[in-house]
Amino acid sequence: MAVLDPAQRRYAELSREPERVRELLRQGANRARGRARAKVDLAKREIGLLPLRD
């Protein structure tokens, strides 16, 4: 189906560079981890659940 052509082309491009894909996924995971930690720390502080670690 022609509607899938752009996605199939992109998949083919990315499959030729697996290390680049892994690096991008690592970067995204690190960024997400940092944001999640900030949110969890804020929630703990706001509800007084546990003291924040230093």
PDB file of N, CA and C in Angstrom:
ATOM      1  N   MET A   1       0.839  -1.183   0.000  1.00  0.00           N
ATOM      2  CA  MET A   1       0.000   0.000   0.000  1.00  0.00           C
ATOM      3  C   MET A   1       0.881   1.242   0.000  1.00  0.00           C
ATOM      4  N   ALA A   2       0.510   2.173  -0.814  1.00  0.00           N
ATOM      5  CA  ALA A   2       1.294   3.401  -0.950  1.00  0.00           C
ATOM      6  C   ALA A   2       1.341   4.202   0.342  1.00  0.00           C
ATOM      7  N   VAL A   3       0.313   4.107   1.144  1.00  0.00           N
ATOM      8  CA  VAL A   3       0.278   4.889   2.382  1.00  0.00           C
ATOM      9  C   VAL A   3       1.400   4.460   3.337  1.00  0.00           C
ATOM     10  N   LEU A   4       1.863   3.236   3.232  1.00  0.00           N
ATOM     11  CA  LEU A   4       2.934   2.736   4.097  1.00  0.00           C
ATOM     12  C   LEU A   4       4.331   3.019   3.557  1.00  0.00           C
ATOM     13  N   ASP A   5       4.451   3.482   2.335  1.00  0.00           N
ATOM     14  CA  ASP A   5       5.765   3.702   1.726  1.00  0.00           C
ATOM     15  C   ASP A   5       6.687   4.578   2.570  1.00  0.00           C
ATOM     16  N   PRO A   6       6.248   5.726   3.081  1.00  0.00           N
ATOM     17  CA  PRO A   6       7.167   6.548   3.886  1.00  0.00           C
ATOM     18  C   PRO A   6       7.672   5.813   5.132  1.00  0.00           C
ATOM     19  N   ALA A   7       6.804   5.110   5.804  1.00  0.00           N
ATOM     20  CA  ALA A   7       7.214   4.377   7.002  1.00  0.00           C
ATOM     21  C   ALA A   7       8.174   3.243   6.636  1.00  0.00           C
ATOM     22  N   GLN A   8       7.922   2.570   5.551  1.00  0.00           N
ATOM     23  CA  GLN A   8       8.805   1.486   5.126  1.00  0.00           C
ATOM     24  C   GLN A   8      10.179   2.017   4.721  1.00  0.00           C
ATOM     25  N   ARG A   9      10.205   3.169   4.064  1.00  0.00           N
ATOM     26  CA  ARG A   9      11.489   3.773   3.695  1.00  0.00           C
ATOM     27  C   ARG A   9      12.272   4.163   4.942  1.00  0.00           C
ATOM     28  N   ARG A  10      11.586   4.764   5.910  1.00  0.00           N
ATOM     29  CA  ARG A  10      12.247   5.174   7.151  1.00  0.00           C
ATOM     30  C   ARG A  10      12.779   3.951   7.908  1.00  0.00           C
ATOM     31  N   TYR A  11      11.984   2.906   7.953  1.00  0.00           N
ATOM     32  CA  TYR A  11      12.416   1.665   8.597  1.00  0.00           C
ATOM     33  C   TYR A  11      13.685   1.139   7.924  1.00  0.00           C
ATOM     34  N   ALA A  12      13.716   1.151   6.614  1.00  0.00           N
ATOM     35  CA  ALA A  12      14.887   0.662   5.872  1.00  0.00           C
ATOM     36  C   ALA A  12      16.110   1.524   6.190  1.00  0.00           C
ATOM     37  N   GLU A  13      15.935   2.844   6.271  1.00  0.00           N
ATOM     38  CA  GLU A  13      17.040   3.742   6.611  1.00  0.00           C
ATOM     39  C   GLU A  13      17.581   3.419   8.003  1.00  0.00           C
ATOM     40  N   LEU A  14      16.680   3.311   8.961  1.00  0.00           N
ATOM     41  CA  LEU A  14      17.096   3.075  10.342  1.00  0.00           C
ATOM     42  C   LEU A  14      17.723   1.702  10.531  1.00  0.00           C
ATOM     43  N   SER A  15      17.255   0.713   9.797  1.00  0.00           N
ATOM     44  CA  SER A  15      17.797  -0.636   9.949  1.00  0.00           C
ATOM     45  C   SER A  15      19.235  -0.731   9.447  1.00  0.00           C
ATOM     46  N   ARG A  16      19.670   0.234   8.648  1.00  0.00           N
ATOM     47  CA  ARG A  16      21.062   0.261   8.185  1.00  0.00           C
ATOM     48  C   ARG A  16      22.001   0.874   9.225  1.00  0.00           C
ATOM     49  N   GLU A  17      21.443   1.512  10.272  1.00  0.00           N
ATOM     50  CA  GLU A  17      22.253   2.168  11.293  1.00  0.00           C
ATOM     51  C   GLU A  17      21.816   1.747  12.704  1.00  0.00           C
ATOM     52  N   PRO A  18      21.961   0.472  13.048  1.00  0.00           N
ATOM     53  CA  PRO A  18      21.467   0.004  14.350  1.00  0.00           C
ATOM     54  C   PRO A  18      22.151   0.684  15.536  1.00  0.00           C
ATOM     55  N   GLU A  19      23.423   1.007  15.427  1.00  0.00           N
ATOM     56  CA  GLU A  19      24.110   1.680  16.544  1.00  0.00           C
ATOM     57  C   GLU A  19      23.548   3.082  16.765  1.00  0.00           C
ATOM     58  N   ARG A  20      23.244   3.772  15.699  1.00  0.00           N
ATOM     59  CA  ARG A  20      22.652   5.112  15.823  1.00  0.00           C
ATOM     60  C   ARG A  20      21.295   5.017  16.507  1.00  0.00           C
ATOM     61  N   VAL A  21      20.515   4.027  16.123  1.00  0.00           N
ATOM     62  CA  VAL A  21      19.192   3.831  16.734  1.00  0.00           C
ATOM     63  C   VAL A  21      19.357   3.537  18.221  1.00  0.00           C
ATOM     64  N   ARG A  22      20.303   2.644  18.569  1.00  0.00           N
ATOM     65  CA  ARG A  22      20.530   2.332  19.986  1.00  0.00           C
ATOM     66  C   ARG A  22      20.949   3.569  20.770  1.00  0.00           C
ATOM     67  N   GLU A  23      21.815   4.376  20.187  1.00  0.00           N
ATOM     68  CA  GLU A  23      22.271   5.595  20.859  1.00  0.00           C
ATOM     69  C   GLU A  23      21.110   6.574  21.068  1.00  0.00           C
ATOM     70  N   LEU A  24      20.288   6.739  20.074  1.00  0.00           N
ATOM     71  CA  LEU A  24      19.123   7.619  20.218  1.00  0.00           C
ATOM     72  C   LEU A  24      18.171   7.102  21.292  1.00  0.00           C
ATOM     73  N   LEU A  25      17.985   5.790  21.347  1.00  0.00           N
ATOM     74  CA  LEU A  25      17.137   5.205  22.383  1.00  0.00           C
ATOM     75  C   LEU A  25      17.746   5.398  23.770  1.00  0.00           C
ATOM     76  N   ARG A  26      19.074   5.256  23.874  1.00  0.00           N
ATOM     77  CA  ARG A  26      19.751   5.487  25.167  1.00  0.00           C
ATOM     78  C   ARG A  26      19.568   6.931  25.615  1.00  0.00           C
ATOM     79  N   GLN A  27      19.749   7.858  24.693  1.00  0.00           N
ATOM     80  CA  GLN A  27      19.591   9.279  25.028  1.00  0.00           C
ATOM     81  C   GLN A  27      18.166   9.570  25.490  1.00  0.00           C
ATOM     82  N   GLY A  28      17.201   9.034  24.776  1.00  0.00           N
ATOM     83  CA  GLY A  28      15.803   9.245  25.154  1.00  0.00           C
ATOM     84  C   GLY A  28      15.484   8.643  26.506  1.00  0.00           C
ATOM     85  N   ALA A  29      16.034   7.470  26.784  1.00  0.00           N
ATOM     86  CA  ALA A  29      15.800   6.825  28.081  1.00  0.00           C
ATOM     87  C   ALA A  29      16.409   7.641  29.210  1.00  0.00           C
ATOM     88  N   ASN A  30      17.603   8.156  28.993  1.00  0.00           N
ATOM     89  CA  ASN A  30      18.243   8.989  30.016  1.00  0.00           C
ATOM     90  C   ASN A  30      17.446  10.260  30.268  1.00  0.00           C
ATOM     91  N   ARG A  31      16.974  10.871  29.222  1.00  0.00           N
ATOM     92  CA  ARG A  31      16.165  12.092  29.355  1.00  0.00           C
ATOM     93  C   ARG A  31      14.865  11.796  30.100  1.00  0.00           C
ATOM     94  N   ALA A  32      14.228  10.695  29.745  1.00  0.00           N
ATOM     95  CA  ALA A  32      12.974  10.310  30.405  1.00  0.00           C
ATOM     96  C   ALA A  32      13.211   9.986  31.874  1.00  0.00           C
ATOM     97  N   ARG A  33      14.314   9.289  32.174  1.00  0.00           N
ATOM     98  CA  ARG A  33      14.642   8.943  33.553  1.00  0.00           C
ATOM     99  C   ARG A  33      14.813  10.203  34.397  1.00  0.00           C
ATOM    100  N   GLY A  34      15.504  11.183  33.857  1.00  0.00           N
ATOM    101  CA  GLY A  34      15.708  12.448  34.577  1.00  0.00           C
ATOM    102  C   GLY A  34      14.400  13.167  34.842  1.00  0.00           C
ATOM    103  N   ARG A  35      13.550  13.223  33.859  1.00  0.00           N
ATOM    104  CA  ARG A  35      12.251  13.880  34.038  1.00  0.00           C
ATOM    105  C   ARG A  35      11.381  13.126  35.027  1.00  0.00           C
ATOM    106  N   ALA A  36      11.402  11.817  34.947  1.00  0.00           N
ATOM    107  CA  ALA A  36      10.602  11.015  35.872  1.00  0.00           C
ATOM    108  C   ALA A  36      11.099  11.202  37.302  1.00  0.00           C
ATOM    109  N   ARG A  37      12.409  11.209  37.503  1.00  0.00           N
ATOM    110  CA  ARG A  37      12.972  11.390  38.837  1.00  0.00           C
ATOM    111  C   ARG A  37      12.524  12.734  39.407  1.00  0.00           C
ATOM    112  N   ALA A  38      12.566  13.776  38.608  1.00  0.00           N
ATOM    113  CA  ALA A  38      12.148  15.099  39.076  1.00  0.00           C
ATOM    114  C   ALA A  38      10.675  15.081  39.493  1.00  0.00           C
ATOM    115  N   LYS A  39       9.833  14.436  38.713  1.00  0.00           N
ATOM    116  CA  LYS A  39       8.401  14.362  39.041  1.00  0.00           C
ATOM    117  C   LYS A  39       8.162  13.563  40.317  1.00  0.00           C
ATOM    118  N   VAL A  40       8.853  12.449  40.459  1.00  0.00           N
ATOM    119  CA  VAL A  40       8.688  11.611  41.657  1.00  0.00           C
ATOM    120  C   VAL A  40       9.157  12.385  42.885  1.00  0.00           C
ATOM    121  N   ASP A  41      10.294  13.053  42.782  1.00  0.00           N
ATOM    122  CA  ASP A  41      10.790  13.840  43.905  1.00  0.00           C
ATOM    123  C   ASP A  41       9.804  14.937  44.287  1.00  0.00           C
ATOM    124  N   LEU A  42       9.247  15.608  43.305  1.00  0.00           N
ATOM    125  CA  LEU A  42       8.249  16.646  43.567  1.00  0.00           C
ATOM    126  C   LEU A  42       7.029  16.057  44.260  1.00  0.00           C
ATOM    127  N   ALA A  43       6.544  14.942  43.766  1.00  0.00           N
ATOM    128  CA  ALA A  43       5.369  14.308  44.364  1.00  0.00           C
ATOM    129  C   ALA A  43       5.649  13.911  45.809  1.00  0.00           C
ATOM    130  N   LYS A  44       6.800  13.342  46.072  1.00  0.00           N
ATOM    131  CA  LYS A  44       7.157  12.946  47.435  1.00  0.00           C
ATOM    132  C   LYS A  44       7.211  14.161  48.356  1.00  0.00           C
ATOM    133  N   ARG A  45       7.805  15.219  47.858  1.00  0.00           N
ATOM    134  CA  ARG A  45       7.899  16.439  48.659  1.00  0.00           C
ATOM    135  C   ARG A  45       6.517  17.015  48.938  1.00  0.00           C
ATOM    136  N   GLU A  46       5.672  17.058  47.922  1.00  0.00           N
ATOM    137  CA  GLU A  46       4.339  17.646  48.060  1.00  0.00           C
ATOM    138  C   GLU A  46       3.447  16.872  49.018  1.00  0.00           C
ATOM    139  N   ILE A  47       3.539  15.556  49.002  1.00  0.00           N
ATOM    140  CA  ILE A  47       2.661  14.779  49.884  1.00  0.00           C
ATOM    141  C   ILE A  47       3.341  14.393  51.189  1.00  0.00           C
ATOM    142  N   GLY A  48       4.627  14.725  51.322  1.00  0.00           N
ATOM    143  CA  GLY A  48       5.355  14.433  52.542  1.00  0.00           C
ATOM    144  C   GLY A  48       5.542  12.944  52.773  1.00  0.00           C
ATOM    145  N   LEU A  49       5.594  12.187  51.709  1.00  0.00           N
ATOM    146  CA  LEU A  49       5.692  10.740  51.810  1.00  0.00           C
ATOM    147  C   LEU A  49       7.023  10.293  52.406  1.00  0.00           C
ATOM    148  N   LEU A  50       8.105  10.718  51.820  1.00  0.00           N
ATOM    149  CA  LEU A  50       9.434  10.329  52.274  1.00  0.00           C
ATOM    150  C   LEU A  50      10.369  11.516  52.161  1.00  0.00           C
ATOM    151  N   PRO A  51      11.374  11.559  53.003  1.00  0.00           N
ATOM    152  CA  PRO A  51      12.349  12.654  52.840  1.00  0.00           C
ATOM    153  C   PRO A  51      13.130  12.446  51.535  1.00  0.00           C
ATOM    154  N   LEU A  52      13.495  13.554  50.909  1.00  0.00           N
ATOM    155  CA  LEU A  52      14.289  13.468  49.686  1.00  0.00           C
ATOM    156  C   LEU A  52      15.702  13.052  50.030  1.00  0.00           C
ATOM    157  N   ARG A  53      16.298  12.284  49.146  1.00  0.00           N
ATOM    158  CA  ARG A  53      17.695  11.906  49.365  1.00  0.00           C
ATOM    159  C   ARG A  53      18.593  13.011  48.853  1.00  0.00           C
ATOM    160  N   ASP A  54      19.777  13.082  49.400  1.00  0.00           N
ATOM    161  CA  ASP A  54      20.741  14.132  48.996  1.00  0.00           C
ATOM    162  C   ASP A  54      21.549  13.734  47.822  1.00  0.00           C
TER     163      ASP A  54
END
